[in-house]
Amino acid sequence: MITREGGQLKVSGPLTLETVKALYDQGLQAAGANSLAIDMSGVGAVDSSAVSLMLNWLREAQRNNVSVSFSHVPDNLLSLARLYDVAELLPLSIDASMQS
């Protein structure tokens, strides 16, 4: 599920193969903004499709000249991004969950 608060998207629930297509489409509806902060503090279960979702949102944002950043990324999702050696490609905001 995605909720919007100004220039921020708040993602909650599982990011798995079953949910990412709908979430991808919802995230794209945020077009028109110059910047977009994506808060992932409400994310629960993840699988590799969550990493794909983040990379696809980033690619679409870059195509539309939109600055995007991800915050409060859960440790299990960061671990997957590191496993696939793509964590450095993701514009991650510095927050408490990333400093461990």
PDB file of N, CA and C in Angstrom:
ATOM      1  N   MET A   1       0.840  -1.179   0.000  1.00  0.00           N
ATOM      2  CA  MET A   1       0.000   0.000   0.000  1.00  0.00           C
ATOM      3  C   MET A   1       0.887   1.245   0.000  1.00  0.00           C
ATOM      4  N   ILE A   2       0.458   2.257  -0.707  1.00  0.00           N
ATOM      5  CA  ILE A   2       1.191   3.520  -0.761  1.00  0.00           C
ATOM      6  C   ILE A   2       0.248   4.648  -0.384  1.00  0.00           C
ATOM      7  N   THR A   3       0.715   5.502   0.511  1.00  0.00           N
ATOM      8  CA  THR A   3      -0.016   6.723   0.825  1.00  0.00           C
ATOM      9  C   THR A   3       0.881   7.901   0.477  1.00  0.00           C
ATOM     10  N   ARG A   4       0.252   8.998   0.096  1.00  0.00           N
ATOM     11  CA  ARG A   4       0.993  10.205  -0.294  1.00  0.00           C
ATOM     12  C   ARG A   4       0.776  11.299   0.719  1.00  0.00           C
ATOM     13  N   GLU A   5       1.863  11.963   1.057  1.00  0.00           N
ATOM     14  CA  GLU A   5       1.814  13.140   1.922  1.00  0.00           C
ATOM     15  C   GLU A   5       2.725  14.181   1.287  1.00  0.00           C
ATOM     16  N   GLY A   6       2.164  15.051   0.488  1.00  0.00           N
ATOM     17  CA  GLY A   6       2.975  16.043  -0.212  1.00  0.00           C
ATOM     18  C   GLY A   6       3.918  15.356  -1.181  1.00  0.00           C
ATOM     19  N   GLY A   7       5.212  15.638  -1.045  1.00  0.00           N
ATOM     20  CA  GLY A   7       6.229  15.037  -1.902  1.00  0.00           C
ATOM     21  C   GLY A   7       6.782  13.752  -1.340  1.00  0.00           C
ATOM     22  N   GLN A   8       6.034  13.099  -0.478  1.00  0.00           N
ATOM     23  CA  GLN A   8       6.514  11.870   0.131  1.00  0.00           C
ATOM     24  C   GLN A   8       5.529  10.725  -0.131  1.00  0.00           C
ATOM     25  N   LEU A   9       6.095   9.568  -0.464  1.00  0.00           N
ATOM     26  CA  LEU A   9       5.318   8.347  -0.560  1.00  0.00           C
ATOM     27  C   LEU A   9       5.674   7.499   0.646  1.00  0.00           C
ATOM     28  N   LYS A  10       4.675   6.958   1.291  1.00  0.00           N
ATOM     29  CA  LYS A  10       4.908   6.058   2.415  1.00  0.00           C
ATOM     30  C   LYS A  10       4.439   4.671   1.995  1.00  0.00           C
ATOM     31  N   VAL A  11       5.388   3.739   1.953  1.00  0.00           N
ATOM     32  CA  VAL A  11       5.114   2.382   1.509  1.00  0.00           C
ATOM     33  C   VAL A  11       4.926   1.499   2.735  1.00  0.00           C
ATOM     34  N   SER A  12       3.880   0.672   2.718  1.00  0.00           N
ATOM     35  CA  SER A  12       3.657  -0.239   3.839  1.00  0.00           C
ATOM     36  C   SER A  12       3.192  -1.589   3.322  1.00  0.00           C
ATOM     37  N   GLY A  13       3.392  -2.593   4.144  1.00  0.00           N
ATOM     38  CA  GLY A  13       2.991  -3.948   3.789  1.00  0.00           C
ATOM     39  C   GLY A  13       4.116  -4.717   3.142  1.00  0.00           C
ATOM     40  N   PRO A  14       3.792  -5.886   2.619  1.00  0.00           N
ATOM     41  CA  PRO A  14       4.826  -6.720   1.997  1.00  0.00           C
ATOM     42  C   PRO A  14       5.224  -6.195   0.620  1.00  0.00           C
ATOM     43  N   LEU A  15       6.505  -6.348   0.299  1.00  0.00           N
ATOM     44  CA  LEU A  15       7.016  -6.061  -1.046  1.00  0.00           C
ATOM     45  C   LEU A  15       7.495  -7.386  -1.608  1.00  0.00           C
ATOM     46  N   THR A  16       6.581  -8.096  -2.195  1.00  0.00           N
ATOM     47  CA  THR A  16       6.867  -9.427  -2.725  1.00  0.00           C
ATOM     48  C   THR A  16       6.346  -9.521  -4.154  1.00  0.00           C
ATOM     49  N   LEU A  17       6.631 -10.610  -4.778  1.00  0.00           N
ATOM     50  CA  LEU A  17       6.208 -10.816  -6.159  1.00  0.00           C
ATOM     51  C   LEU A  17       4.707 -10.589  -6.344  1.00  0.00           C
ATOM     52  N   GLU A  18       3.937 -10.933  -5.334  1.00  0.00           N
ATOM     53  CA  GLU A  18       2.489 -10.780  -5.421  1.00  0.00           C
ATOM     54  C   GLU A  18       2.032  -9.321  -5.340  1.00  0.00           C
ATOM     55  N   THR A  19       2.837  -8.433  -4.777  1.00  0.00           N
ATOM     56  CA  THR A  19       2.388  -7.056  -4.529  1.00  0.00           C
ATOM     57  C   THR A  19       3.097  -5.984  -5.339  1.00  0.00           C
ATOM     58  N   VAL A  20       4.278  -6.259  -5.874  1.00  0.00           N
ATOM     59  CA  VAL A  20       5.070  -5.175  -6.458  1.00  0.00           C
ATOM     60  C   VAL A  20       4.482  -4.559  -7.720  1.00  0.00           C
ATOM     61  N   LYS A  21       3.753  -5.312  -8.521  1.00  0.00           N
ATOM     62  CA  LYS A  21       3.189  -4.736  -9.752  1.00  0.00           C
ATOM     63  C   LYS A  21       2.222  -3.605  -9.421  1.00  0.00           C
ATOM     64  N   ALA A  22       1.324  -3.839  -8.484  1.00  0.00           N
ATOM     65  CA  ALA A  22       0.372  -2.798  -8.095  1.00  0.00           C
ATOM     66  C   ALA A  22       1.100  -1.624  -7.444  1.00  0.00           C
ATOM     67  N   LEU A  23       2.101  -1.905  -6.624  1.00  0.00           N
ATOM     68  CA  LEU A  23       2.854  -0.828  -5.969  1.00  0.00           C
ATOM     69  C   LEU A  23       3.662  -0.030  -6.980  1.00  0.00           C
ATOM     70  N   TYR A  24       4.217  -0.694  -7.974  1.00  0.00           N
ATOM     71  CA  TYR A  24       4.957  -0.001  -9.023  1.00  0.00           C
ATOM     72  C   TYR A  24       4.053   1.004  -9.723  1.00  0.00           C
ATOM     73  N   ASP A  25       2.868   0.562 -10.095  1.00  0.00           N
ATOM     74  CA  ASP A  25       1.927   1.451 -10.775  1.00  0.00           C
ATOM     75  C   ASP A  25       1.501   2.615  -9.884  1.00  0.00           C
ATOM     76  N   GLN A  26       1.258   2.360  -8.613  1.00  0.00           N
ATOM     77  CA  GLN A  26       0.875   3.426  -7.680  1.00  0.00           C
ATOM     78  C   GLN A  26       1.994   4.451  -7.534  1.00  0.00           C
ATOM     79  N   GLY A  27       3.228   3.975  -7.462  1.00  0.00           N
ATOM     80  CA  GLY A  27       4.369   4.876  -7.320  1.00  0.00           C
ATOM     81  C   GLY A  27       4.540   5.768  -8.525  1.00  0.00           C
ATOM     82  N   LEU A  28       4.240   5.253  -9.701  1.00  0.00           N
ATOM     83  CA  LEU A  28       4.370   6.044 -10.920  1.00  0.00           C
ATOM     84  C   LEU A  28       3.342   7.161 -10.988  1.00  0.00           C
ATOM     85  N   GLN A  29       2.257   7.027 -10.272  1.00  0.00           N
ATOM     86  CA  GLN A  29       1.222   8.055 -10.281  1.00  0.00           C
ATOM     87  C   GLN A  29       1.670   9.329  -9.572  1.00  0.00           C
ATOM     88  N   ALA A  30       2.844   9.322  -9.005  1.00  0.00           N
ATOM     89  CA  ALA A  30       3.354  10.499  -8.314  1.00  0.00           C
ATOM     90  C   ALA A  30       4.056  11.452  -9.284  1.00  0.00           C
ATOM     91  N   ALA A  31       3.872  11.252 -10.564  1.00  0.00           N
ATOM     92  CA  ALA A  31       4.509  12.092 -11.571  1.00  0.00           C
ATOM     93  C   ALA A  31       4.105  13.553 -11.401  1.00  0.00           C
ATOM     94  N   GLY A  32       4.982  14.435 -11.833  1.00  0.00           N
ATOM     95  CA  GLY A  32       4.708  15.857 -11.732  1.00  0.00           C
ATOM     96  C   GLY A  32       5.521  16.533 -10.647  1.00  0.00           C
ATOM     97  N   ALA A  33       6.058  15.778  -9.736  1.00  0.00           N
ATOM     98  CA  ALA A  33       6.881  16.351  -8.669  1.00  0.00           C
ATOM     99  C   ALA A  33       8.327  16.455  -9.144  1.00  0.00           C
ATOM    100  N   ASN A  34       9.073  17.419  -8.580  1.00  0.00           N
ATOM    101  CA  ASN A  34      10.495  17.544  -8.894  1.00  0.00           C
ATOM    102  C   ASN A  34      11.343  16.620  -8.041  1.00  0.00           C
ATOM    103  N   SER A  35      10.829  16.296  -6.863  1.00  0.00           N
ATOM    104  CA  SER A  35      11.536  15.375  -5.984  1.00  0.00           C
ATOM    105  C   SER A  35      10.517  14.509  -5.262  1.00  0.00           C
ATOM    106  N   LEU A  36      10.973  13.347  -4.870  1.00  0.00           N
ATOM    107  CA  LEU A  36      10.094  12.393  -4.233  1.00  0.00           C
ATOM    108  C   LEU A  36      10.875  11.642  -3.168  1.00  0.00           C
ATOM    109  N   ALA A  37      10.390  11.686  -1.944  1.00  0.00           N
ATOM    110  CA  ALA A  37      10.974  10.928  -0.845  1.00  0.00           C
ATOM    111  C   ALA A  37      10.094   9.712  -0.607  1.00  0.00           C
ATOM    112  N   ILE A  38      10.693   8.552  -0.594  1.00  0.00           N
ATOM    113  CA  ILE A  38       9.949   7.312  -0.407  1.00  0.00           C
ATOM    114  C   ILE A  38      10.312   6.728   0.948  1.00  0.00           C
ATOM    115  N   ASP A  39       9.366   6.770   1.868  1.00  0.00           N
ATOM    116  CA  ASP A  39       9.542   6.265   3.236  1.00  0.00           C
ATOM    117  C   ASP A  39       9.113   4.806   3.260  1.00  0.00           C
ATOM    118  N   MET A  40      10.045   3.936   3.612  1.00  0.00           N
ATOM    119  CA  MET A  40       9.777   2.511   3.584  1.00  0.00           C
ATOM    120  C   MET A  40       9.681   1.921   4.988  1.00  0.00           C
ATOM    121  N   SER A  41       9.386   2.760   5.976  1.00  0.00           N
ATOM    122  CA  SER A  41       9.348   2.301   7.364  1.00  0.00           C
ATOM    123  C   SER A  41       8.226   1.304   7.632  1.00  0.00           C
ATOM    124  N   GLY A  42       7.194   1.289   6.810  1.00  0.00           N
ATOM    125  CA  GLY A  42       6.074   0.380   7.026  1.00  0.00           C
ATOM    126  C   GLY A  42       6.167  -0.925   6.263  1.00  0.00           C
ATOM    127  N   VAL A  43       7.301  -1.147   5.596  1.00  0.00           N
ATOM    128  CA  VAL A  43       7.462  -2.356   4.787  1.00  0.00           C
ATOM    129  C   VAL A  43       7.685  -3.565   5.689  1.00  0.00           C
ATOM    130  N   GLY A  44       6.998  -4.650   5.364  1.00  0.00           N
ATOM    131  CA  GLY A  44       7.145  -5.889   6.116  1.00  0.00           C
ATOM    132  C   GLY A  44       8.000  -6.875   5.354  1.00  0.00           C
ATOM    133  N   ALA A  45       7.398  -7.961   4.927  1.00  0.00           N
ATOM    134  CA  ALA A  45       8.111  -9.022   4.210  1.00  0.00           C
ATOM    135  C   ALA A  45       8.607  -8.501   2.861  1.00  0.00           C
ATOM    136  N   VAL A  46       9.789  -8.965   2.474  1.00  0.00           N
ATOM    137  CA  VAL A  46      10.359  -8.592   1.181  1.00  0.00           C
ATOM    138  C   VAL A  46      10.938  -9.826   0.504  1.00  0.00           C
ATOM    139  N   ASP A  47      11.056  -9.742  -0.806  1.00  0.00           N
ATOM    140  CA  ASP A  47      11.824 -10.711  -1.563  1.00  0.00           C
ATOM    141  C   ASP A  47      12.580  -9.932  -2.642  1.00  0.00           C
ATOM    142  N   SER A  48      13.221 -10.638  -3.546  1.00  0.00           N
ATOM    143  CA  SER A  48      14.059  -9.956  -4.533  1.00  0.00           C
ATOM    144  C   SER A  48      13.280  -8.989  -5.404  1.00  0.00           C
ATOM    145  N   SER A  49      11.985  -9.174  -5.541  1.00  0.00           N
ATOM    146  CA  SER A  49      11.195  -8.253  -6.357  1.00  0.00           C
ATOM    147  C   SER A  49      11.126  -6.862  -5.718  1.00  0.00           C
ATOM    148  N   ALA A  50      11.346  -6.747  -4.418  1.00  0.00           N
ATOM    149  CA  ALA A  50      11.374  -5.443  -3.752  1.00  0.00           C
ATOM    150  C   ALA A  50      12.555  -4.615  -4.247  1.00  0.00           C
ATOM    151  N   VAL A  51      13.697  -5.264  -4.444  1.00  0.00           N
ATOM    152  CA  VAL A  51      14.874  -4.575  -4.979  1.00  0.00           C
ATOM    153  C   VAL A  51      14.582  -4.114  -6.402  1.00  0.00           C
ATOM    154  N   SER A  52      13.959  -4.975  -7.174  1.00  0.00           N
ATOM    155  CA  SER A  52      13.586  -4.624  -8.547  1.00  0.00           C
ATOM    156  C   SER A  52      12.643  -3.431  -8.564  1.00  0.00           C
ATOM    157  N   LEU A  53      11.691  -3.410  -7.657  1.00  0.00           N
ATOM    158  CA  LEU A  53      10.749  -2.291  -7.559  1.00  0.00           C
ATOM    159  C   LEU A  53      11.488  -0.977  -7.321  1.00  0.00           C
ATOM    160  N   MET A  54      12.400  -0.987  -6.371  1.00  0.00           N
ATOM    161  CA  MET A  54      13.148   0.229  -6.073  1.00  0.00           C
ATOM    162  C   MET A  54      13.962   0.697  -7.273  1.00  0.00           C
ATOM    163  N   LEU A  55      14.626  -0.231  -7.945  1.00  0.00           N
ATOM    164  CA  LEU A  55      15.424   0.130  -9.117  1.00  0.00           C
ATOM    165  C   LEU A  55      14.544   0.646 -10.258  1.00  0.00           C
ATOM    166  N   ASN A  56      13.375   0.066 -10.435  1.00  0.00           N
ATOM    167  CA  ASN A  56      12.460   0.537 -11.478  1.00  0.00           C
ATOM    168  C   ASN A  56      11.916   1.923 -11.164  1.00  0.00           C
ATOM    169  N   TRP A  57      11.552   2.166  -9.898  1.00  0.00           N
ATOM    170  CA  TRP A  57      11.116   3.516  -9.514  1.00  0.00           C
ATOM    171  C   TRP A  57      12.226   4.528  -9.775  1.00  0.00           C
ATOM    172  N   LEU A  58      13.454   4.152  -9.430  1.00  0.00           N
ATOM    173  CA  LEU A  58      14.595   5.042  -9.648  1.00  0.00           C
ATOM    174  C   LEU A  58      14.774   5.337 -11.131  1.00  0.00           C
ATOM    175  N   ARG A  59      14.702   4.312 -11.961  1.00  0.00           N
ATOM    176  CA  ARG A  59      14.868   4.498 -13.404  1.00  0.00           C
ATOM    177  C   ARG A  59      13.782   5.418 -13.976  1.00  0.00           C
ATOM    178  N   GLU A  60      12.541   5.202 -13.574  1.00  0.00           N
ATOM    179  CA  GLU A  60      11.446   6.051 -14.043  1.00  0.00           C
ATOM    180  C   GLU A  60      11.598   7.488 -13.565  1.00  0.00           C
ATOM    181  N   ALA A  61      12.039   7.658 -12.343  1.00  0.00           N
ATOM    182  CA  ALA A  61      12.264   9.009 -11.810  1.00  0.00           C
ATOM    183  C   ALA A  61      13.349   9.723 -12.624  1.00  0.00           C
ATOM    184  N   GLN A  62      14.430   9.018 -12.914  1.00  0.00           N
ATOM    185  CA  GLN A  62      15.512   9.619 -13.699  1.00  0.00           C
ATOM    186  C   GLN A  62      15.037   9.987 -15.093  1.00  0.00           C
ATOM    187  N   ARG A  63      14.215   9.159 -15.700  1.00  0.00           N
ATOM    188  CA  ARG A  63      13.670   9.468 -17.035  1.00  0.00           C
ATOM    189  C   ARG A  63      12.825  10.736 -17.021  1.00  0.00           C
ATOM    190  N   ASN A  64      12.182  10.996 -15.891  1.00  0.00           N
ATOM    191  CA  ASN A  64      11.306  12.155 -15.764  1.00  0.00           C
ATOM    192  C   ASN A  64      11.953  13.319 -15.024  1.00  0.00           C
ATOM    193  N   ASN A  65      13.276  13.256 -14.854  1.00  0.00           N
ATOM    194  CA  ASN A  65      14.029  14.308 -14.159  1.00  0.00           C
ATOM    195  C   ASN A  65      13.487  14.593 -12.761  1.00  0.00           C
ATOM    196  N   VAL A  66      13.158  13.527 -12.060  1.00  0.00           N
ATOM    197  CA  VAL A  66      12.664  13.636 -10.694  1.00  0.00           C
ATOM    198  C   VAL A  66      13.739  13.085  -9.761  1.00  0.00           C
ATOM    199  N   SER A  67      14.066  13.851  -8.748  1.00  0.00           N
ATOM    200  CA  SER A  67      15.004  13.391  -7.730  1.00  0.00           C
ATOM    201  C   SER A  67      14.250  12.487  -6.761  1.00  0.00           C
ATOM    202  N   VAL A  68      14.797  11.321  -6.484  1.00  0.00           N
ATOM    203  CA  VAL A  68      14.135  10.378  -5.591  1.00  0.00           C
ATOM    204  C   VAL A  68      15.112   9.925  -4.514  1.00  0.00           C
ATOM    205  N   SER A  69      14.588   9.688  -3.314  1.00  0.00           N
ATOM    206  CA  SER A  69      15.403   9.120  -2.241  1.00  0.00           C
ATOM    207  C   SER A  69      14.546   8.153  -1.439  1.00  0.00           C
ATOM    208  N   PHE A  70      15.199   7.139  -0.904  1.00  0.00           N
ATOM    209  CA  PHE A  70      14.534   6.126  -0.093  1.00  0.00           C
ATOM    210  C   PHE A  70      14.989   6.292   1.351  1.00  0.00           C
ATOM    211  N   SER A  71      14.042   6.273   2.279  1.00  0.00           N
ATOM    212  CA  SER A  71      14.400   6.363   3.688  1.00  0.00           C
ATOM    213  C   SER A  71      13.780   5.212   4.467  1.00  0.00           C
ATOM    214  N   HIS A  72      14.357   4.954   5.639  1.00  0.00           N
ATOM    215  CA  HIS A  72      13.863   3.911   6.540  1.00  0.00           C
ATOM    216  C   HIS A  72      13.721   2.561   5.846  1.00  0.00           C
ATOM    217  N   VAL A  73      14.707   2.246   5.028  1.00  0.00           N
ATOM    218  CA  VAL A  73      14.696   0.972   4.314  1.00  0.00           C
ATOM    219  C   VAL A  73      14.979  -0.141   5.326  1.00  0.00           C
ATOM    220  N   PRO A  74      14.119  -1.154   5.398  1.00  0.00           N
ATOM    221  CA  PRO A  74      14.325  -2.230   6.369  1.00  0.00           C
ATOM    222  C   PRO A  74      15.639  -2.977   6.124  1.00  0.00           C
ATOM    223  N   ASP A  75      16.198  -3.480   7.199  1.00  0.00           N
ATOM    224  CA  ASP A  75      17.467  -4.198   7.109  1.00  0.00           C
ATOM    225  C   ASP A  75      17.409  -5.381   6.150  1.00  0.00           C
ATOM    226  N   ASN A  76      16.293  -6.116   6.143  1.00  0.00           N
ATOM    227  CA  ASN A  76      16.212  -7.277   5.258  1.00  0.00           C
ATOM    228  C   ASN A  76      16.234  -6.865   3.782  1.00  0.00           C
ATOM    229  N   LEU A  77      15.682  -5.706   3.472  1.00  0.00           N
ATOM    230  CA  LEU A  77      15.719  -5.202   2.097  1.00  0.00           C
ATOM    231  C   LEU A  77      17.106  -4.680   1.743  1.00  0.00           C
ATOM    232  N   LEU A  78      17.748  -4.008   2.687  1.00  0.00           N
ATOM    233  CA  LEU A  78      19.129  -3.560   2.462  1.00  0.00           C
ATOM    234  C   LEU A  78      20.048  -4.755   2.237  1.00  0.00           C
ATOM    235  N   SER A  79      19.831  -5.814   2.992  1.00  0.00           N
ATOM    236  CA  SER A  79      20.655  -7.019   2.829  1.00  0.00           C
ATOM    237  C   SER A  79      20.509  -7.596   1.425  1.00  0.00           C
ATOM    238  N   LEU A  80      19.284  -7.634   0.914  1.00  0.00           N
ATOM    239  CA  LEU A  80      19.076  -8.125  -0.455  1.00  0.00           C
ATOM    240  C   LEU A  80      19.755  -7.223  -1.476  1.00  0.00           C
ATOM    241  N   ALA A  81      19.635  -5.916  -1.306  1.00  0.00           N
ATOM    242  CA  ALA A  81      20.277  -4.983  -2.243  1.00  0.00           C
ATOM    243  C   ALA A  81      21.796  -5.160  -2.221  1.00  0.00           C
ATOM    244  N   ARG A  82      22.346  -5.387  -1.035  1.00  0.00           N
ATOM    245  CA  ARG A  82      23.793  -5.630  -0.936  1.00  0.00           C
ATOM    246  C   ARG A  82      24.167  -6.966  -1.563  1.00  0.00           C
ATOM    247  N   LEU A  83      23.343  -7.984  -1.339  1.00  0.00           N
ATOM    248  CA  LEU A  83      23.591  -9.310  -1.911  1.00  0.00           C
ATOM    249  C   LEU A  83      23.669  -9.234  -3.431  1.00  0.00           C
ATOM    250  N   TYR A  84      22.787  -8.460  -4.042  1.00  0.00           N
ATOM    251  CA  TYR A  84      22.768  -8.299  -5.498  1.00  0.00           C
ATOM    252  C   TYR A  84      23.711  -7.205  -5.982  1.00  0.00           C
ATOM    253  N   ASP A  85      24.465  -6.634  -5.045  1.00  0.00           N
ATOM    254  CA  ASP A  85      25.481  -5.617  -5.349  1.00  0.00           C
ATOM    255  C   ASP A  85      24.890  -4.389  -6.055  1.00  0.00           C
ATOM    256  N   VAL A  86      23.703  -3.966  -5.590  1.00  0.00           N
ATOM    257  CA  VAL A  86      23.075  -2.777  -6.160  1.00  0.00           C
ATOM    258  C   VAL A  86      22.770  -1.712  -5.111  1.00  0.00           C
ATOM    259  N   ALA A  87      23.117  -1.955  -3.864  1.00  0.00           N
ATOM    260  CA  ALA A  87      22.795  -0.998  -2.801  1.00  0.00           C
ATOM    261  C   ALA A  87      23.374   0.380  -3.087  1.00  0.00           C
ATOM    262  N   GLU A  88      24.568   0.417  -3.677  1.00  0.00           N
ATOM    263  CA  GLU A  88      25.199   1.707  -3.955  1.00  0.00           C
ATOM    264  C   GLU A  88      24.503   2.467  -5.076  1.00  0.00           C
ATOM    265  N   LEU A  89      23.667   1.808  -5.847  1.00  0.00           N
ATOM    266  CA  LEU A  89      22.910   2.482  -6.905  1.00  0.00           C
ATOM    267  C   LEU A  89      21.676   3.197  -6.364  1.00  0.00           C
ATOM    268  N   LEU A  90      21.233   2.791  -5.188  1.00  0.00           N
ATOM    269  CA  LEU A  90      20.004   3.331  -4.616  1.00  0.00           C
ATOM    270  C   LEU A  90      20.287   4.594  -3.806  1.00  0.00           C
ATOM    271  N   PRO A  91      19.555   5.673  -4.070  1.00  0.00           N
ATOM    272  CA  PRO A  91      19.743   6.905  -3.297  1.00  0.00           C
ATOM    273  C   PRO A  91      19.078   6.764  -1.924  1.00  0.00           C
ATOM    274  N   LEU A  92      19.870   6.325  -0.954  1.00  0.00           N
ATOM    275  CA  LEU A  92      19.348   6.069   0.382  1.00  0.00           C
ATOM    276  C   LEU A  92      19.584   7.254   1.282  1.00  0.00           C
ATOM    277  N   SER A  93      18.551   7.692   1.968  1.00  0.00           N
ATOM    278  CA  SER A  93      18.683   8.745   2.972  1.00  0.00           C
ATOM    279  C   SER A  93      19.328   8.140   4.201  1.00  0.00           C
ATOM    280  N   ILE A  94      20.097   8.935   4.897  1.00  0.00           N
ATOM    281  CA  ILE A  94      20.702   8.472   6.137  1.00  0.00           C
ATOM    282  C   ILE A  94      19.630   8.485   7.207  1.00  0.00           C
ATOM    283  N   ASP A  95      19.413   7.322   7.793  1.00  0.00           N
ATOM    284  CA  ASP A  95      18.464   7.241   8.902  1.00  0.00           C
ATOM    285  C   ASP A  95      18.941   6.153   9.862  1.00  0.00           C
ATOM    286  N   ALA A  96      18.301   6.049  10.981  1.00  0.00           N
ATOM    287  CA  ALA A  96      18.740   5.149  12.046  1.00  0.00           C
ATOM    288  C   ALA A  96      18.822   3.695  11.590  1.00  0.00           C
ATOM    289  N   SER A  97      17.926   3.259  10.707  1.00  0.00           N
ATOM    290  CA  SER A  97      17.939   1.860  10.296  1.00  0.00           C
ATOM    291  C   SER A  97      19.160   1.514   9.457  1.00  0.00           C
ATOM    292  N   MET A  98      19.786   2.499   8.856  1.00  0.00           N
ATOM    293  CA  MET A  98      20.937   2.230   7.996  1.00  0.00           C
ATOM    294  C   MET A  98      22.249   2.309   8.741  1.00  0.00           C
ATOM    295  N   GLN A  99      22.266   2.803   9.946  1.00  0.00           N
ATOM    296  CA  GLN A  99      23.522   3.005  10.644  1.00  0.00           C
ATOM    297  C   GLN A  99      23.950   1.792  11.433  1.00  0.00           C
ATOM    298  N   SER A 100      23.176   0.720  11.429  1.00  0.00           N
ATOM    299  CA  SER A 100      23.561  -0.477  12.163  1.00  0.00           C
ATOM    300  C   SER A 100      24.484  -1.348  11.336  1.00  0.00           C
TER     301      SER A 100
END
